[in-house]
Every structure is written in structure tokens, then in C-alpha cells.
């Protein structure tokens, strides 16, 4: 196994059991990227919770069993929320 593959596997092991809050941006492309990241986190054993405005991304995430918190925000910067 390569050093990079081993490092990747070790990173995934550390995510198991972690809870991650991810702020979903309002635009469609960035929202899709956030959805992809949340799905990868979920597959690695983490518990991703997405937060953002209601819409198609929220509906898709909830339909797949994901947790969504409604949050009306203008920034994904947690210091500006």
C-alpha cells in the first residue's frame, strides 16, 4: 500500500464517530459540492449535519436520511453568523 493510500485510510478512521456541521451555500453549484462532501463524510463514518436555507439541496439531503438544520445566512463564515 502506498504512503498516500495509507495516510488517506488513517484519516478516514479518525473521522468515524465525529460530528461535522457543514454550512451549505445558497448557490446551486456550491450546494452540490457541499452535498458531495457531506456524503463522503457520511461514508467515512462521520455524522454530517448540514445547515442552510431550505431548497432542493436540503430536500435531497433529507430524502437520503441526512440531518438538515434550517439556517438563513448570508455567509458560510461562522464568525459572521
PDB file of N, CA and C in Angstrom:
ATOM      1  N   UNK A   1       0.859  -1.179   0.000  1.00  0.00           N
ATOM      2  CA  UNK A   1       0.000   0.000   0.000  1.00  0.00           C
ATOM      3  C   UNK A   1       0.898   1.233   0.000  1.00  0.00           C
ATOM      4  N   UNK A   2       0.577   2.197  -0.852  1.00  0.00           N
ATOM      5  CA  UNK A   2       1.381   3.411  -0.942  1.00  0.00           C
ATOM      6  C   UNK A   2       1.217   4.267   0.310  1.00  0.00           C
ATOM      7  N   UNK A   3       2.179   5.148   0.509  1.00  0.00           N
ATOM      8  CA  UNK A   3       2.143   6.050   1.664  1.00  0.00           C
ATOM      9  C   UNK A   3       0.905   6.937   1.611  1.00  0.00           C
ATOM     10  N   UNK A   4       0.549   7.425   0.415  1.00  0.00           N
ATOM     11  CA  UNK A   4      -0.637   8.283   0.268  1.00  0.00           C
ATOM     12  C   UNK A   4      -1.916   7.521   0.598  1.00  0.00           C
ATOM     13  N   UNK A   5      -2.030   6.295   0.123  1.00  0.00           N
ATOM     14  CA  UNK A   5      -3.225   5.485   0.399  1.00  0.00           C
ATOM     15  C   UNK A   5      -3.328   5.191   1.888  1.00  0.00           C
ATOM     16  N   UNK A   6      -2.195   4.911   2.536  1.00  0.00           N
ATOM     17  CA  UNK A   6      -2.193   4.631   3.969  1.00  0.00           C
ATOM     18  C   UNK A   6      -2.627   5.871   4.759  1.00  0.00           C
ATOM     19  N   UNK A   7      -2.119   7.049   4.367  1.00  0.00           N
ATOM     20  CA  UNK A   7      -2.487   8.298   5.037  1.00  0.00           C
ATOM     21  C   UNK A   7      -3.971   8.576   4.871  1.00  0.00           C
ATOM     22  N   UNK A   8      -4.513   8.314   3.674  1.00  0.00           N
ATOM     23  CA  UNK A   8      -5.935   8.521   3.419  1.00  0.00           C
ATOM     24  C   UNK A   8      -6.781   7.595   4.288  1.00  0.00           C
ATOM     25  N   UNK A   9      -6.371   6.347   4.389  1.00  0.00           N
ATOM     26  CA  UNK A   9      -7.098   5.377   5.202  1.00  0.00           C
ATOM     27  C   UNK A   9      -7.074   5.766   6.674  1.00  0.00           C
ATOM     28  N   UNK A  10      -5.936   6.242   7.168  1.00  0.00           N
ATOM     29  CA  UNK A  10      -5.828   6.671   8.562  1.00  0.00           C
ATOM     30  C   UNK A  10      -6.705   7.888   8.826  1.00  0.00           C
ATOM     31  N   UNK A  11      -6.803   8.820   7.872  1.00  0.00           N
ATOM     32  CA  UNK A  11      -7.663   9.992   8.028  1.00  0.00           C
ATOM     33  C   UNK A  11      -9.120   9.576   8.127  1.00  0.00           C
ATOM     34  N   UNK A  12      -9.540   8.616   7.306  1.00  0.00           N
ATOM     35  CA  UNK A  12     -10.928   8.159   7.350  1.00  0.00           C
ATOM     36  C   UNK A  12     -11.239   7.498   8.685  1.00  0.00           C
ATOM     37  N   UNK A  13     -10.292   6.771   9.234  1.00  0.00           N
ATOM     38  CA  UNK A  13     -10.519   6.127  10.523  1.00  0.00           C
ATOM     39  C   UNK A  13     -10.751   7.153  11.622  1.00  0.00           C
ATOM     40  N   UNK A  14     -10.062   8.266  11.555  1.00  0.00           N
ATOM     41  CA  UNK A  14     -10.217   9.295  12.581  1.00  0.00           C
ATOM     42  C   UNK A  14     -11.564  10.004  12.477  1.00  0.00           C
ATOM     43  N   UNK A  15     -12.188   9.991  11.317  1.00  0.00           N
ATOM     44  CA  UNK A  15     -13.480  10.650  11.141  1.00  0.00           C
ATOM     45  C   UNK A  15     -14.635   9.827  11.700  1.00  0.00           C
ATOM     46  N   UNK A  16     -14.449   8.542  11.821  1.00  0.00           N
ATOM     47  CA  UNK A  16     -15.529   7.680  12.326  1.00  0.00           C
ATOM     48  C   UNK A  16     -15.970   8.159  13.698  1.00  0.00           C
ATOM     49  N   UNK A  17     -17.269   8.408  13.818  1.00  0.00           N
ATOM     50  CA  UNK A  17     -17.841   8.853  15.080  1.00  0.00           C
ATOM     51  C   UNK A  17     -17.834  10.359  15.286  1.00  0.00           C
ATOM     52  N   UNK A  18     -17.152  11.099  14.408  1.00  0.00           N
ATOM     53  CA  UNK A  18     -17.113  12.558  14.536  1.00  0.00           C
ATOM     54  C   UNK A  18     -18.413  13.165  14.016  1.00  0.00           C
ATOM     55  N   UNK A  19     -18.824  14.282  14.608  1.00  0.00           N
ATOM     56  CA  UNK A  19     -19.973  15.039  14.109  1.00  0.00           C
ATOM     57  C   UNK A  19     -19.428  16.296  13.451  1.00  0.00           C
ATOM     58  N   UNK A  20     -19.867  16.556  12.217  1.00  0.00           N
ATOM     59  CA  UNK A  20     -19.370  17.694  11.442  1.00  0.00           C
ATOM     60  C   UNK A  20     -20.553  18.547  11.014  1.00  0.00           C
ATOM     61  N   UNK A  21     -20.530  19.832  11.377  1.00  0.00           N
ATOM     62  CA  UNK A  21     -21.550  20.776  10.917  1.00  0.00           C
ATOM     63  C   UNK A  21     -21.015  21.460   9.681  1.00  0.00           C
ATOM     64  N   UNK A  22     -21.768  21.362   8.600  1.00  0.00           N
ATOM     65  CA  UNK A  22     -21.355  21.965   7.330  1.00  0.00           C
ATOM     66  C   UNK A  22     -22.410  22.975   6.899  1.00  0.00           C
ATOM     67  N   UNK A  23     -21.970  24.210   6.645  1.00  0.00           N
ATOM     68  CA  UNK A  23     -22.879  25.248   6.174  1.00  0.00           C
ATOM     69  C   UNK A  23     -22.976  25.158   4.666  1.00  0.00           C
ATOM     70  N   UNK A  24     -24.188  24.992   4.167  1.00  0.00           N
ATOM     71  CA  UNK A  24     -24.415  24.866   2.727  1.00  0.00           C
ATOM     72  C   UNK A  24     -24.647  26.243   2.127  1.00  0.00           C
ATOM     73  N   UNK A  25     -23.831  26.624   1.145  1.00  0.00           N
ATOM     74  CA  UNK A  25     -24.029  27.912   0.490  1.00  0.00           C
ATOM     75  C   UNK A  25     -25.318  27.945  -0.315  1.00  0.00           C
ATOM     76  N   UNK A  26     -25.771  29.135  -0.626  1.00  0.00           N
ATOM     77  CA  UNK A  26     -27.044  29.300  -1.312  1.00  0.00           C
ATOM     78  C   UNK A  26     -27.039  28.960  -2.788  1.00  0.00           C
ATOM     79  N   UNK A  27     -25.892  29.070  -3.463  1.00  0.00           N
ATOM     80  CA  UNK A  27     -25.936  28.811  -4.908  1.00  0.00           C
ATOM     81  C   UNK A  27     -25.869  27.313  -5.197  1.00  0.00           C
ATOM     82  N   UNK A  28     -26.406  26.930  -6.331  1.00  0.00           N
ATOM     83  CA  UNK A  28     -26.614  25.518  -6.681  1.00  0.00           C
ATOM     84  C   UNK A  28     -25.307  24.732  -6.799  1.00  0.00           C
ATOM     85  N   UNK A  29     -24.323  25.272  -7.482  1.00  0.00           N
ATOM     86  CA  UNK A  29     -23.064  24.536  -7.700  1.00  0.00           C
ATOM     87  C   UNK A  29     -22.340  24.309  -6.376  1.00  0.00           C
ATOM     88  N   UNK A  30     -22.190  25.349  -5.583  1.00  0.00           N
ATOM     89  CA  UNK A  30     -21.516  25.206  -4.289  1.00  0.00           C
ATOM     90  C   UNK A  30     -22.321  24.302  -3.361  1.00  0.00           C
ATOM     91  N   UNK A  31     -23.646  24.373  -3.447  1.00  0.00           N
ATOM     92  CA  UNK A  31     -24.503  23.497  -2.645  1.00  0.00           C
ATOM     93  C   UNK A  31     -24.311  22.033  -3.011  1.00  0.00           C
ATOM     94  N   UNK A  32     -24.172  21.759  -4.309  1.00  0.00           N
ATOM     95  CA  UNK A  32     -23.909  20.382  -4.773  1.00  0.00           C
ATOM     96  C   UNK A  32     -22.568  19.888  -4.247  1.00  0.00           C
ATOM     97  N   UNK A  33     -21.564  20.771  -4.264  1.00  0.00           N
ATOM     98  CA  UNK A  33     -20.253  20.394  -3.729  1.00  0.00           C
ATOM     99  C   UNK A  33     -20.341  20.081  -2.236  1.00  0.00           C
ATOM    100  N   UNK A  34     -21.088  20.888  -1.510  1.00  0.00           N
ATOM    101  CA  UNK A  34     -21.272  20.639  -0.083  1.00  0.00           C
ATOM    102  C   UNK A  34     -21.982  19.312   0.150  1.00  0.00           C
ATOM    103  N   UNK A  35     -22.942  19.002  -0.685  1.00  0.00           N
ATOM    104  CA  UNK A  35     -23.672  17.735  -0.591  1.00  0.00           C
ATOM    105  C   UNK A  35     -22.732  16.553  -0.840  1.00  0.00           C
ATOM    106  N   UNK A  36     -21.845  16.687  -1.802  1.00  0.00           N
ATOM    107  CA  UNK A  36     -20.861  15.639  -2.100  1.00  0.00           C
ATOM    108  C   UNK A  36     -19.927  15.424  -0.913  1.00  0.00           C
ATOM    109  N   UNK A  37     -19.442  16.508  -0.333  1.00  0.00           N
ATOM    110  CA  UNK A  37     -18.552  16.401   0.822  1.00  0.00           C
ATOM    111  C   UNK A  37     -19.268  15.751   1.993  1.00  0.00           C
ATOM    112  N   UNK A  38     -20.509  16.147   2.244  1.00  0.00           N
ATOM    113  CA  UNK A  38     -21.277  15.553   3.337  1.00  0.00           C
ATOM    114  C   UNK A  38     -21.485  14.058   3.111  1.00  0.00           C
ATOM    115  N   UNK A  39     -21.728  13.665   1.874  1.00  0.00           N
ATOM    116  CA  UNK A  39     -21.900  12.243   1.564  1.00  0.00           C
ATOM    117  C   UNK A  39     -20.614  11.467   1.823  1.00  0.00           C
ATOM    118  N   UNK A  40     -19.476  12.047   1.439  1.00  0.00           N
ATOM    119  CA  UNK A  40     -18.193  11.398   1.691  1.00  0.00           C
ATOM    120  C   UNK A  40     -17.906  11.293   3.187  1.00  0.00           C
ATOM    121  N   UNK A  41     -18.243  12.333   3.930  1.00  0.00           N
ATOM    122  CA  UNK A  41     -18.079  12.283   5.384  1.00  0.00           C
ATOM    123  C   UNK A  41     -18.927  11.158   5.979  1.00  0.00           C
ATOM    124  N   UNK A  42     -20.154  11.048   5.495  1.00  0.00           N
ATOM    125  CA  UNK A  42     -21.066  10.019   5.984  1.00  0.00           C
ATOM    126  C   UNK A  42     -20.512   8.623   5.689  1.00  0.00           C
ATOM    127  N   UNK A  43     -19.975   8.437   4.498  1.00  0.00           N
ATOM    128  CA  UNK A  43     -19.409   7.134   4.129  1.00  0.00           C
ATOM    129  C   UNK A  43     -18.174   6.790   4.956  1.00  0.00           C
ATOM    130  N   UNK A  44     -17.470   7.808   5.452  1.00  0.00           N
ATOM    131  CA  UNK A  44     -16.276   7.553   6.254  1.00  0.00           C
ATOM    132  C   UNK A  44     -16.616   7.274   7.716  1.00  0.00           C
ATOM    133  N   UNK A  45     -17.905   7.338   8.056  1.00  0.00           N
ATOM    134  CA  UNK A  45     -18.332   7.030   9.410  1.00  0.00           C
ATOM    135  C   UNK A  45     -18.632   8.247  10.263  1.00  0.00           C
ATOM    136  N   UNK A  46     -18.488   9.437   9.696  1.00  0.00           N
ATOM    137  CA  UNK A  46     -18.808  10.663  10.430  1.00  0.00           C
ATOM    138  C   UNK A  46     -20.315  10.908  10.393  1.00  0.00           C
ATOM    139  N   UNK A  47     -20.762  11.838  11.210  1.00  0.00           N
ATOM    140  CA  UNK A  47     -22.173  12.245  11.238  1.00  0.00           C
ATOM    141  C   UNK A  47     -22.256  13.686  10.733  1.00  0.00           C
ATOM    142  N   UNK A  48     -22.418  13.876   9.422  1.00  0.00           N
ATOM    143  CA  UNK A  48     -22.510  15.238   8.902  1.00  0.00           C
ATOM    144  C   UNK A  48     -23.901  15.827   9.138  1.00  0.00           C
ATOM    145  N   UNK A  49     -23.920  17.048   9.611  1.00  0.00           N
ATOM    146  CA  UNK A  49     -25.168  17.805   9.753  1.00  0.00           C
ATOM    147  C   UNK A  49     -25.007  19.019   8.852  1.00  0.00           C
ATOM    148  N   UNK A  50     -25.912  19.169   7.912  1.00  0.00           N
ATOM    149  CA  UNK A  50     -25.853  20.311   7.008  1.00  0.00           C
ATOM    150  C   UNK A  50     -26.822  21.386   7.478  1.00  0.00           C
ATOM    151  N   UNK A  51     -26.419  22.626   7.287  1.00  0.00           N
ATOM    152  CA  UNK A  51     -27.267  23.750   7.666  1.00  0.00           C
ATOM    153  C   UNK A  51     -27.303  24.757   6.527  1.00  0.00           C
ATOM    154  N   UNK A  52     -28.468  25.322   6.295  1.00  0.00           N
ATOM    155  CA  UNK A  52     -28.619  26.321   5.239  1.00  0.00           C
ATOM    156  C   UNK A  52     -30.089  26.609   4.985  1.00  0.00           C
ATOM    157  N   UNK A  53     -30.319  27.327   3.908  1.00  0.00           N
ATOM    158  CA  UNK A  53     -31.693  27.652   3.526  1.00  0.00           C
ATOM    159  C   UNK A  53     -32.385  26.419   2.952  1.00  0.00           C
ATOM    160  N   UNK A  54     -33.678  26.365   3.114  1.00  0.00           N
ATOM    161  CA  UNK A  54     -34.453  25.268   2.538  1.00  0.00           C
ATOM    162  C   UNK A  54     -34.424  25.376   1.018  1.00  0.00           C
ATOM    163  N   UNK A  55     -34.508  24.234   0.370  1.00  0.00           N
ATOM    164  CA  UNK A  55     -34.493  24.213  -1.090  1.00  0.00           C
ATOM    165  C   UNK A  55     -34.210  22.813  -1.593  1.00  0.00           C
ATOM    166  N   UNK A  56     -33.812  22.720  -2.853  1.00  0.00           N
ATOM    167  CA  UNK A  56     -33.590  21.422  -3.489  1.00  0.00           C
ATOM    168  C   UNK A  56     -32.475  20.628  -2.823  1.00  0.00           C
ATOM    169  N   UNK A  57     -31.397  21.306  -2.453  1.00  0.00           N
ATOM    170  CA  UNK A  57     -30.275  20.621  -1.797  1.00  0.00           C
ATOM    171  C   UNK A  57     -30.728  20.047  -0.461  1.00  0.00           C
ATOM    172  N   UNK A  58     -31.455  20.835   0.304  1.00  0.00           N
ATOM    173  CA  UNK A  58     -31.966  20.373   1.605  1.00  0.00           C
ATOM    174  C   UNK A  58     -32.895  19.180   1.420  1.00  0.00           C
ATOM    175  N   UNK A  59     -33.786  19.275   0.455  1.00  0.00           N
ATOM    176  CA  UNK A  59     -34.733  18.180   0.207  1.00  0.00           C
ATOM    177  C   UNK A  59     -34.011  16.899  -0.184  1.00  0.00           C
ATOM    178  N   UNK A  60     -32.992  17.034  -1.036  1.00  0.00           N
ATOM    179  CA  UNK A  60     -32.233  15.861  -1.480  1.00  0.00           C
ATOM    180  C   UNK A  60     -31.476  15.222  -0.314  1.00  0.00           C
ATOM    181  N   UNK A  61     -30.861  16.066   0.513  1.00  0.00           N
ATOM    182  CA  UNK A  61     -30.106  15.560   1.663  1.00  0.00           C
ATOM    183  C   UNK A  61     -31.033  14.861   2.661  1.00  0.00           C
ATOM    184  N   UNK A  62     -32.174  15.474   2.951  1.00  0.00           N
ATOM    185  CA  UNK A  62     -33.119  14.873   3.899  1.00  0.00           C
ATOM    186  C   UNK A  62     -33.741  13.595   3.350  1.00  0.00           C
ATOM    187  N   UNK A  63     -33.981  13.542   2.028  1.00  0.00           N
ATOM    188  CA  UNK A  63     -34.567  12.346   1.411  1.00  0.00           C
ATOM    189  C   UNK A  63     -33.632  11.147   1.552  1.00  0.00           C
ATOM    190  N   UNK A  64     -32.323  11.412   1.605  1.00  0.00           N
ATOM    191  CA  UNK A  64     -31.342  10.352   1.778  1.00  0.00           C
ATOM    192  C   UNK A  64     -31.079  10.018   3.238  1.00  0.00           C
ATOM    193  N   UNK A  65     -31.855  10.620   4.145  1.00  0.00           N
ATOM    194  CA  UNK A  65     -31.707  10.328   5.565  1.00  0.00           C
ATOM    195  C   UNK A  65     -30.764  11.263   6.304  1.00  0.00           C
ATOM    196  N   UNK A  66     -30.277  12.313   5.634  1.00  0.00           N
ATOM    197  CA  UNK A  66     -29.350  13.236   6.281  1.00  0.00           C
ATOM    198  C   UNK A  66     -30.052  14.221   7.196  1.00  0.00           C
ATOM    199  N   UNK A  67     -29.290  14.792   8.107  1.00  0.00           N
ATOM    200  CA  UNK A  67     -29.822  15.801   9.034  1.00  0.00           C
ATOM    201  C   UNK A  67     -29.603  17.189   8.439  1.00  0.00           C
ATOM    202  N   UNK A  68     -30.644  18.007   8.502  1.00  0.00           N
ATOM    203  CA  UNK A  68     -30.593  19.371   7.959  1.00  0.00           C
ATOM    204  C   UNK A  68     -31.132  20.335   8.999  1.00  0.00           C
ATOM    205  N   UNK A  69     -30.398  21.405   9.241  1.00  0.00           N
ATOM    206  CA  UNK A  69     -30.857  22.475  10.122  1.00  0.00           C
ATOM    207  C   UNK A  69     -31.171  23.691   9.263  1.00  0.00           C
ATOM    208  N   UNK A  70     -32.366  24.237   9.395  1.00  0.00           N
ATOM    209  CA  UNK A  70     -32.716  25.438   8.640  1.00  0.00           C
ATOM    210  C   UNK A  70     -31.966  26.621   9.232  1.00  0.00           C
ATOM    211  N   UNK A  71     -31.248  27.327   8.381  1.00  0.00           N
ATOM    212  CA  UNK A  71     -30.451  28.467   8.813  1.00  0.00           C
ATOM    213  C   UNK A  71     -30.431  29.481   7.680  1.00  0.00           C
ATOM    214  N   UNK A  72     -30.963  30.654   7.933  1.00  0.00           N
ATOM    215  CA  UNK A  72     -30.961  31.716   6.933  1.00  0.00           C
ATOM    216  C   UNK A  72     -29.709  32.559   7.157  1.00  0.00           C
ATOM    217  N   UNK A  73     -28.728  32.411   6.284  1.00  0.00           N
ATOM    218  CA  UNK A  73     -27.458  33.097   6.460  1.00  0.00           C
ATOM    219  C   UNK A  73     -26.976  33.679   5.134  1.00  0.00           C
ATOM    220  N   UNK A  74     -26.143  34.709   5.245  1.00  0.00           N
ATOM    221  CA  UNK A  74     -25.583  35.333   4.050  1.00  0.00           C
ATOM    222  C   UNK A  74     -24.115  34.979   3.858  1.00  0.00           C
ATOM    223  N   UNK A  75     -23.552  34.237   4.785  1.00  0.00           N
ATOM    224  CA  UNK A  75     -22.142  33.886   4.723  1.00  0.00           C
ATOM    225  C   UNK A  75     -21.944  32.468   5.239  1.00  0.00           C
ATOM    226  N   UNK A  76     -20.902  31.788   4.762  1.00  0.00           N
ATOM    227  CA  UNK A  76     -20.546  30.489   5.311  1.00  0.00           C
ATOM    228  C   UNK A  76     -19.429  30.644   6.340  1.00  0.00           C
ATOM    229  N   UNK A  77     -19.052  31.869   6.621  1.00  0.00           N
ATOM    230  CA  UNK A  77     -18.060  32.157   7.633  1.00  0.00           C
ATOM    231  C   UNK A  77     -18.718  32.113   9.013  1.00  0.00           C
ATOM    232  N   UNK A  78     -18.339  31.178   9.883  1.00  0.00           N
ATOM    233  CA  UNK A  78     -19.017  31.052  11.182  1.00  0.00           C
ATOM    234  C   UNK A  78     -18.850  32.294  12.062  1.00  0.00           C
ATOM    235  N   UNK A  79     -17.836  33.102  11.806  1.00  0.00           N
ATOM    236  CA  UNK A  79     -17.647  34.318  12.591  1.00  0.00           C
ATOM    237  C   UNK A  79     -18.631  35.420  12.215  1.00  0.00           C
ATOM    238  N   UNK A  80     -19.296  35.264  11.058  1.00  0.00           N
ATOM    239  CA  UNK A  80     -20.257  36.276  10.602  1.00  0.00           C
ATOM    240  C   UNK A  80     -21.711  35.842  10.794  1.00  0.00           C
ATOM    241  N   UNK A  81     -21.928  34.664  11.344  1.00  0.00           N
ATOM    242  CA  UNK A  81     -23.305  34.185  11.505  1.00  0.00           C
ATOM    243  C   UNK A  81     -23.999  34.863  12.650  1.00  0.00           C
TER     244      UNK A  81
END
